[in-house]
Amino acid sequence: MELADRAVGFLLTFISLSIFTYYTFWVVILPFVDGDHFVHQYFLPQEYAILIPISAGVALLCFLSIFIGFVMLKSKKKAA
């Protein structure tokens, strides 16, 4: 079981670092590269650099609010 936990942890760390590196390159470095350079074909337009994290944050807040609401309702039913 410990080996499986380490493998999952390594995989999650690798995925997180990959996303962080991609996003950092997309937002910080890519604006300084010429527009006709071939590297631009691997990235979405710059508008999505703001849209994607904002929509993910709103979705996360919605799911957290719904989860907390369900937990509060369940605890209220158990107390009564």
PDB file of N, CA and C in Angstrom:
ATOM      1  N   MET A   1       0.816  -1.196   0.000  1.00  0.00           N
ATOM      2  CA  MET A   1       0.000   0.000   0.000  1.00  0.00           C
ATOM      3  C   MET A   1       0.861   1.263   0.000  1.00  0.00           C
ATOM      4  N   GLU A   2       1.973   1.206   0.702  1.00  0.00           N
ATOM      5  CA  GLU A   2       2.837   2.379   0.768  1.00  0.00           C
ATOM      6  C   GLU A   2       3.426   2.714  -0.596  1.00  0.00           C
ATOM      7  N   LEU A   3       3.747   1.701  -1.381  1.00  0.00           N
ATOM      8  CA  LEU A   3       4.299   1.923  -2.710  1.00  0.00           C
ATOM      9  C   LEU A   3       3.253   2.574  -3.618  1.00  0.00           C
ATOM     10  N   ALA A   4       2.010   2.147  -3.499  1.00  0.00           N
ATOM     11  CA  ALA A   4       0.943   2.735  -4.310  1.00  0.00           C
ATOM     12  C   ALA A   4       0.734   4.194  -3.929  1.00  0.00           C
ATOM     13  N   ASP A   5       0.798   4.507  -2.642  1.00  0.00           N
ATOM     14  CA  ASP A   5       0.643   5.893  -2.202  1.00  0.00           C
ATOM     15  C   ASP A   5       1.777   6.766  -2.732  1.00  0.00           C
ATOM     16  N   ARG A   6       2.978   6.230  -2.718  1.00  0.00           N
ATOM     17  CA  ARG A   6       4.118   6.984  -3.243  1.00  0.00           C
ATOM     18  C   ARG A   6       3.973   7.210  -4.748  1.00  0.00           C
ATOM     19  N   ALA A   7       3.475   6.212  -5.460  1.00  0.00           N
ATOM     20  CA  ALA A   7       3.303   6.335  -6.909  1.00  0.00           C
ATOM     21  C   ALA A   7       2.249   7.392  -7.227  1.00  0.00           C
ATOM     22  N   VAL A   8       1.150   7.373  -6.490  1.00  0.00           N
ATOM     23  CA  VAL A   8       0.099   8.379  -6.707  1.00  0.00           C
ATOM     24  C   VAL A   8       0.625   9.764  -6.367  1.00  0.00           C
ATOM     25  N   GLY A   9       1.369   9.878  -5.282  1.00  0.00           N
ATOM     26  CA  GLY A   9       1.955  11.164  -4.907  1.00  0.00           C
ATOM     27  C   GLY A   9       2.918  11.682  -5.953  1.00  0.00           C
ATOM     28  N   PHE A  10       3.752  10.797  -6.478  1.00  0.00           N
ATOM     29  CA  PHE A  10       4.690  11.181  -7.534  1.00  0.00           C
ATOM     30  C   PHE A  10       3.940  11.620  -8.786  1.00  0.00           C
ATOM     31  N   LEU A  11       2.912  10.886  -9.153  1.00  0.00           N
ATOM     32  CA  LEU A  11       2.136  11.229 -10.341  1.00  0.00           C
ATOM     33  C   LEU A  11       1.454  12.589 -10.185  1.00  0.00           C
ATOM     34  N   LEU A  12       0.843  12.836  -9.033  1.00  0.00           N
ATOM     35  CA  LEU A  12       0.194  14.127  -8.793  1.00  0.00           C
ATOM     36  C   LEU A  12       1.199  15.275  -8.785  1.00  0.00           C
ATOM     37  N   THR A  13       2.369  15.044  -8.215  1.00  0.00           N
ATOM     38  CA  THR A  13       3.415  16.065  -8.220  1.00  0.00           C
ATOM     39  C   THR A  13       3.891  16.350  -9.635  1.00  0.00           C
ATOM     40  N   PHE A  14       4.090  15.308 -10.424  1.00  0.00           N
ATOM     41  CA  PHE A  14       4.528  15.476 -11.811  1.00  0.00           C
ATOM     42  C   PHE A  14       3.492  16.247 -12.628  1.00  0.00           C
ATOM     43  N   ILE A  15       2.217  15.903 -12.464  1.00  0.00           N
ATOM     44  CA  ILE A  15       1.156  16.594 -13.197  1.00  0.00           C
ATOM     45  C   ILE A  15       1.077  18.061 -12.781  1.00  0.00           C
ATOM     46  N   SER A  16       1.169  18.316 -11.480  1.00  0.00           N
ATOM     47  CA  SER A  16       1.106  19.701 -10.984  1.00  0.00           C
ATOM     48  C   SER A  16       2.276  20.526 -11.506  1.00  0.00           C
ATOM     49  N   LEU A  17       3.467  19.971 -11.468  1.00  0.00           N
ATOM     50  CA  LEU A  17       4.630  20.696 -11.979  1.00  0.00           C
ATOM     51  C   LEU A  17       4.541  20.924 -13.486  1.00  0.00           C
ATOM     52  N   SER A  18       3.991  19.969 -14.207  1.00  0.00           N
ATOM     53  CA  SER A  18       3.829  20.131 -15.656  1.00  0.00           C
ATOM     54  C   SER A  18       2.852  21.258 -15.972  1.00  0.00           C
ATOM     55  N   ILE A  19       1.739  21.291 -15.275  1.00  0.00           N
ATOM     56  CA  ILE A  19       0.748  22.349 -15.493  1.00  0.00           C
ATOM     57  C   ILE A  19       1.326  23.701 -15.101  1.00  0.00           C
ATOM     58  N   PHE A  20       2.036  23.763 -13.976  1.00  0.00           N
ATOM     59  CA  PHE A  20       2.644  25.018 -13.537  1.00  0.00           C
ATOM     60  C   PHE A  20       3.665  25.518 -14.557  1.00  0.00           C
ATOM     61  N   THR A  21       4.502  24.625 -15.065  1.00  0.00           N
ATOM     62  CA  THR A  21       5.509  25.016 -16.045  1.00  0.00           C
ATOM     63  C   THR A  21       4.868  25.497 -17.340  1.00  0.00           C
ATOM     64  N   TYR A  22       3.866  24.781 -17.819  1.00  0.00           N
ATOM     65  CA  TYR A  22       3.164  25.166 -19.041  1.00  0.00           C
ATOM     66  C   TYR A  22       2.516  26.537 -18.877  1.00  0.00           C
ATOM     67  N   TYR A  23       1.794  26.736 -17.767  1.00  0.00           N
ATOM     68  CA  TYR A  23       1.082  27.993 -17.540  1.00  0.00           C
ATOM     69  C   TYR A  23       2.064  29.152 -17.367  1.00  0.00           C
ATOM     70  N   THR A  24       3.158  28.918 -16.647  1.00  0.00           N
ATOM     71  CA  THR A  24       4.149  29.974 -16.451  1.00  0.00           C
ATOM     72  C   THR A  24       4.784  30.378 -17.778  1.00  0.00           C
ATOM     73  N   PHE A  25       5.136  29.400 -18.586  1.00  0.00           N
ATOM     74  CA  PHE A  25       5.706  29.710 -19.898  1.00  0.00           C
ATOM     75  C   PHE A  25       4.697  30.458 -20.765  1.00  0.00           C
ATOM     76  N   TRP A  26       3.432  30.051 -20.692  1.00  0.00           N
ATOM     77  CA  TRP A  26       2.364  30.642 -21.488  1.00  0.00           C
ATOM     78  C   TRP A  26       2.130  32.091 -21.106  1.00  0.00           C
ATOM     79  N   VAL A  27       2.129  32.389 -19.809  1.00  0.00           N
ATOM     80  CA  VAL A  27       1.759  33.721 -19.343  1.00  0.00           C
ATOM     81  C   VAL A  27       2.964  34.649 -19.242  1.00  0.00           C
ATOM     82  N   VAL A  28       4.111  34.151 -18.815  1.00  0.00           N
ATOM     83  CA  VAL A  28       5.251  35.016 -18.531  1.00  0.00           C
ATOM     84  C   VAL A  28       6.193  35.154 -19.724  1.00  0.00           C
ATOM     85  N   ILE A  29       6.501  34.068 -20.389  1.00  0.00           N
ATOM     86  CA  ILE A  29       7.537  34.100 -21.424  1.00  0.00           C
ATOM     87  C   ILE A  29       6.963  34.323 -22.825  1.00  0.00           C
ATOM     88  N   LEU A  30       5.828  33.716 -23.120  1.00  0.00           N
ATOM     89  CA  LEU A  30       5.285  33.761 -24.484  1.00  0.00           C
ATOM     90  C   LEU A  30       4.978  35.174 -24.999  1.00  0.00           C
ATOM     91  N   PRO A  31       4.538  36.110 -24.170  1.00  0.00           N
ATOM     92  CA  PRO A  31       4.305  37.455 -24.723  1.00  0.00           C
ATOM     93  C   PRO A  31       5.559  38.125 -25.288  1.00  0.00           C
ATOM     94  N   PHE A  32       6.730  37.682 -24.895  1.00  0.00           N
ATOM     95  CA  PHE A  32       7.967  38.274 -25.393  1.00  0.00           C
ATOM     96  C   PHE A  32       8.514  37.560 -26.624  1.00  0.00           C
ATOM     97  N   VAL A  33       7.839  36.511 -27.078  1.00  0.00           N
ATOM     98  CA  VAL A  33       8.259  35.772 -28.267  1.00  0.00           C
ATOM     99  C   VAL A  33       7.490  36.339 -29.462  1.00  0.00           C
ATOM    100  N   ASP A  34       8.148  36.418 -30.600  1.00  0.00           N
ATOM    101  CA  ASP A  34       7.499  36.942 -31.808  1.00  0.00           C
ATOM    102  C   ASP A  34       6.225  36.172 -32.124  1.00  0.00           C
ATOM    103  N   GLY A  35       5.229  36.876 -32.647  1.00  0.00           N
ATOM    104  CA  GLY A  35       3.930  36.275 -32.931  1.00  0.00           C
ATOM    105  C   GLY A  35       3.954  35.213 -34.012  1.00  0.00           C
ATOM    106  N   ASP A  36       4.920  35.268 -34.917  1.00  0.00           N
ATOM    107  CA  ASP A  36       4.976  34.279 -35.993  1.00  0.00           C
ATOM    108  C   ASP A  36       5.896  33.102 -35.670  1.00  0.00           C
ATOM    109  N   HIS A  37       6.387  33.033 -34.446  1.00  0.00           N
ATOM    110  CA  HIS A  37       7.250  31.929 -34.038  1.00  0.00           C
ATOM    111  C   HIS A  37       6.427  30.644 -33.919  1.00  0.00           C
ATOM    112  N   PHE A  38       7.049  29.501 -34.227  1.00  0.00           N
ATOM    113  CA  PHE A  38       6.318  28.230 -34.252  1.00  0.00           C
ATOM    114  C   PHE A  38       5.802  27.807 -32.881  1.00  0.00           C
ATOM    115  N   VAL A  39       6.383  28.312 -31.800  1.00  0.00           N
ATOM    116  CA  VAL A  39       5.993  27.881 -30.464  1.00  0.00           C
ATOM    117  C   VAL A  39       4.576  28.336 -30.110  1.00  0.00           C
ATOM    118  N   HIS A  40       4.067  29.342 -30.777  1.00  0.00           N
ATOM    119  CA  HIS A  40       2.716  29.848 -30.496  1.00  0.00           C
ATOM    120  C   HIS A  40       1.630  28.840 -30.859  1.00  0.00           C
ATOM    121  N   GLN A  41       1.925  27.898 -31.725  1.00  0.00           N
ATOM    122  CA  GLN A  41       0.907  26.925 -32.119  1.00  0.00           C
ATOM    123  C   GLN A  41       0.591  25.932 -31.004  1.00  0.00           C
ATOM    124  N   TYR A  42       1.435  25.851 -29.970  1.00  0.00           N
ATOM    125  CA  TYR A  42       1.218  24.921 -28.865  1.00  0.00           C
ATOM    126  C   TYR A  42       0.428  25.534 -27.711  1.00  0.00           C
ATOM    127  N   PHE A  43       0.034  26.788 -27.819  1.00  0.00           N
ATOM    128  CA  PHE A  43      -0.641  27.483 -26.735  1.00  0.00           C
ATOM    129  C   PHE A  43      -1.944  28.111 -27.219  1.00  0.00           C
ATOM    130  N   LEU A  44      -2.888  28.214 -26.297  1.00  0.00           N
ATOM    131  CA  LEU A  44      -4.147  28.893 -26.585  1.00  0.00           C
ATOM    132  C   LEU A  44      -3.911  30.399 -26.633  1.00  0.00           C
ATOM    133  N   PRO A  45      -4.896  31.165 -27.138  1.00  0.00           N
ATOM    134  CA  PRO A  45      -4.762  32.632 -27.095  1.00  0.00           C
ATOM    135  C   PRO A  45      -4.653  33.144 -25.655  1.00  0.00           C
ATOM    136  N   GLN A  46      -4.079  34.331 -25.497  1.00  0.00           N
ATOM    137  CA  GLN A  46      -3.802  34.885 -24.175  1.00  0.00           C
ATOM    138  C   GLN A  46      -5.066  35.122 -23.336  1.00  0.00           C
ATOM    139  N   GLU A  47      -6.212  35.326 -23.964  1.00  0.00           N
ATOM    140  CA  GLU A  47      -7.448  35.559 -23.209  1.00  0.00           C
ATOM    141  C   GLU A  47      -7.774  34.377 -22.300  1.00  0.00           C
ATOM    142  N   TYR A  48      -7.444  33.190 -22.758  1.00  0.00           N
ATOM    143  CA  TYR A  48      -7.739  31.992 -21.979  1.00  0.00           C
ATOM    144  C   TYR A  48      -6.841  31.853 -20.751  1.00  0.00           C
ATOM    145  N   ALA A  49      -5.726  32.568 -20.733  1.00  0.00           N
ATOM    146  CA  ALA A  49      -4.830  32.511 -19.576  1.00  0.00           C
ATOM    147  C   ALA A  49      -5.500  33.079 -18.334  1.00  0.00           C
ATOM    148  N   ILE A  50      -6.468  33.940 -18.520  1.00  0.00           N
ATOM    149  CA  ILE A  50      -7.226  34.498 -17.401  1.00  0.00           C
ATOM    150  C   ILE A  50      -8.558  33.765 -17.245  1.00  0.00           C
ATOM    151  N   LEU A  51      -9.199  33.450 -18.363  1.00  0.00           N
ATOM    152  CA  LEU A  51     -10.515  32.812 -18.328  1.00  0.00           C
ATOM    153  C   LEU A  51     -10.506  31.439 -17.667  1.00  0.00           C
ATOM    154  N   ILE A  52      -9.535  30.619 -17.984  1.00  0.00           N
ATOM    155  CA  ILE A  52      -9.500  29.246 -17.459  1.00  0.00           C
ATOM    156  C   ILE A  52      -9.325  29.216 -15.937  1.00  0.00           C
ATOM    157  N   PRO A  53      -8.346  29.934 -15.361  1.00  0.00           N
ATOM    158  CA  PRO A  53      -8.223  29.893 -13.896  1.00  0.00           C
ATOM    159  C   PRO A  53      -9.420  30.502 -13.171  1.00  0.00           C
ATOM    160  N   ILE A  54     -10.005  31.566 -13.740  1.00  0.00           N
ATOM    161  CA  ILE A  54     -11.172  32.175 -13.091  1.00  0.00           C
ATOM    162  C   ILE A  54     -12.355  31.218 -13.109  1.00  0.00           C
ATOM    163  N   SER A  55     -12.620  30.588 -14.228  1.00  0.00           N
ATOM    164  CA  SER A  55     -13.741  29.650 -14.297  1.00  0.00           C
ATOM    165  C   SER A  55     -13.496  28.428 -13.410  1.00  0.00           C
ATOM    166  N   ALA A  56     -12.253  27.963 -13.329  1.00  0.00           N
ATOM    167  CA  ALA A  56     -11.938  26.839 -12.439  1.00  0.00           C
ATOM    168  C   ALA A  56     -12.129  27.248 -10.978  1.00  0.00           C
ATOM    169  N   GLY A  57     -11.744  28.453 -10.632  1.00  0.00           N
ATOM    170  CA  GLY A  57     -11.933  28.938  -9.266  1.00  0.00           C
ATOM    171  C   GLY A  57     -13.394  29.081  -8.901  1.00  0.00           C
ATOM    172  N   VAL A  58     -14.196  29.604  -9.818  1.00  0.00           N
ATOM    173  CA  VAL A  58     -15.633  29.735  -9.561  1.00  0.00           C
ATOM    174  C   VAL A  58     -16.271  28.363  -9.411  1.00  0.00           C
ATOM    175  N   ALA A  59     -15.901  27.427 -10.264  1.00  0.00           N
ATOM    176  CA  ALA A  59     -16.436  26.064 -10.155  1.00  0.00           C
ATOM    177  C   ALA A  59     -16.036  25.421  -8.826  1.00  0.00           C
ATOM    178  N   LEU A  60     -14.787  25.616  -8.414  1.00  0.00           N
ATOM    179  CA  LEU A  60     -14.325  25.075  -7.138  1.00  0.00           C
ATOM    180  C   LEU A  60     -15.104  25.673  -5.970  1.00  0.00           C
ATOM    181  N   LEU A  61     -15.313  26.985  -5.984  1.00  0.00           N
ATOM    182  CA  LEU A  61     -16.085  27.619  -4.920  1.00  0.00           C
ATOM    183  C   LEU A  61     -17.530  27.131  -4.890  1.00  0.00           C
ATOM    184  N   CYS A  62     -18.107  26.915  -6.057  1.00  0.00           N
ATOM    185  CA  CYS A  62     -19.481  26.394  -6.113  1.00  0.00           C
ATOM    186  C   CYS A  62     -19.554  24.985  -5.520  1.00  0.00           C
ATOM    187  N   PHE A  63     -18.642  24.120  -5.927  1.00  0.00           N
ATOM    188  CA  PHE A  63     -18.648  22.757  -5.403  1.00  0.00           C
ATOM    189  C   PHE A  63     -18.383  22.727  -3.901  1.00  0.00           C
ATOM    190  N   LEU A  64     -17.476  23.576  -3.425  1.00  0.00           N
ATOM    191  CA  LEU A  64     -17.216  23.641  -1.995  1.00  0.00           C
ATOM    192  C   LEU A  64     -18.434  24.142  -1.222  1.00  0.00           C
ATOM    193  N   SER A  65     -19.116  25.129  -1.761  1.00  0.00           N
ATOM    194  CA  SER A  65     -20.312  25.651  -1.108  1.00  0.00           C
ATOM    195  C   SER A  65     -21.413  24.594  -1.037  1.00  0.00           C
ATOM    196  N   ILE A  66     -21.601  23.860  -2.117  1.00  0.00           N
ATOM    197  CA  ILE A  66     -22.608  22.796  -2.128  1.00  0.00           C
ATOM    198  C   ILE A  66     -22.238  21.703  -1.135  1.00  0.00           C
ATOM    199  N   PHE A  67     -20.968  21.320  -1.097  1.00  0.00           N
ATOM    200  CA  PHE A  67     -20.514  20.295  -0.162  1.00  0.00           C
ATOM    201  C   PHE A  67     -20.721  20.732   1.287  1.00  0.00           C
ATOM    202  N   ILE A  68     -20.347  21.952   1.604  1.00  0.00           N
ATOM    203  CA  ILE A  68     -20.523  22.457   2.966  1.00  0.00           C
ATOM    204  C   ILE A  68     -22.003  22.530   3.314  1.00  0.00           C
ATOM    205  N   GLY A  69     -22.831  22.917   2.353  1.00  0.00           N
ATOM    206  CA  GLY A  69     -24.277  22.938   2.597  1.00  0.00           C
ATOM    207  C   GLY A  69     -24.824  21.553   2.919  1.00  0.00           C
ATOM    208  N   PHE A  70     -24.411  20.543   2.157  1.00  0.00           N
ATOM    209  CA  PHE A  70     -24.860  19.177   2.430  1.00  0.00           C
ATOM    210  C   PHE A  70     -24.386  18.685   3.798  1.00  0.00           C
ATOM    211  N   VAL A  71     -23.154  18.999   4.149  1.00  0.00           N
ATOM    212  CA  VAL A  71     -22.634  18.586   5.450  1.00  0.00           C
ATOM    213  C   VAL A  71     -23.408  19.266   6.578  1.00  0.00           C
ATOM    214  N   MET A  72     -23.711  20.520   6.399  1.00  0.00           N
ATOM    215  CA  MET A  72     -24.473  21.245   7.426  1.00  0.00           C
ATOM    216  C   MET A  72     -25.889  20.662   7.558  1.00  0.00           C
ATOM    217  N   LEU A  73     -26.515  20.322   6.441  1.00  0.00           N
ATOM    218  CA  LEU A  73     -27.855  19.728   6.499  1.00  0.00           C
ATOM    219  C   LEU A  73     -27.824  18.366   7.175  1.00  0.00           C
ATOM    220  N   LYS A  74     -26.815  17.555   6.856  1.00  0.00           N
ATOM    221  CA  LYS A  74     -26.703  16.223   7.481  1.00  0.00           C
ATOM    222  C   LYS A  74     -26.469  16.332   8.984  1.00  0.00           C
ATOM    223  N   SER A  75     -25.613  17.258   9.393  1.00  0.00           N
ATOM    224  CA  SER A  75     -25.325  17.396  10.818  1.00  0.00           C
ATOM    225  C   SER A  75     -26.542  17.937  11.562  1.00  0.00           C
ATOM    226  N   LYS A  76     -27.340  18.741  10.890  1.00  0.00           N
ATOM    227  CA  LYS A  76     -28.550  19.286  11.510  1.00  0.00           C
ATOM    228  C   LYS A  76     -29.578  18.168  11.709  1.00  0.00           C
ATOM    229  N   LYS A  77     -29.673  17.241  10.732  1.00  0.00           N
ATOM    230  CA  LYS A  77     -30.617  16.122  10.846  1.00  0.00           C
ATOM    231  C   LYS A  77     -30.185  15.159  11.942  1.00  0.00           C
ATOM    232  N   LYS A  78     -28.869  14.933  12.113  1.00  0.00           N
ATOM    233  CA  LYS A  78     -28.385  14.020  13.138  1.00  0.00           C
ATOM    234  C   LYS A  78     -28.607  14.610  14.536  1.00  0.00           C
ATOM    235  N   ALA A  79     -28.493  15.918  14.684  1.00  0.00           N
ATOM    236  CA  ALA A  79     -28.669  16.550  15.983  1.00  0.00           C
ATOM    237  C   ALA A  79     -30.134  16.540  16.408  1.00  0.00           C
ATOM    238  N   ALA A  80     -31.047  16.572  15.444  1.00  0.00           N
ATOM    239  CA  ALA A  80     -32.484  16.632  15.774  1.00  0.00           C
ATOM    240  C   ALA A  80     -33.085  15.274  16.032  1.00  0.00           C
TER     241      ALA A  80
END
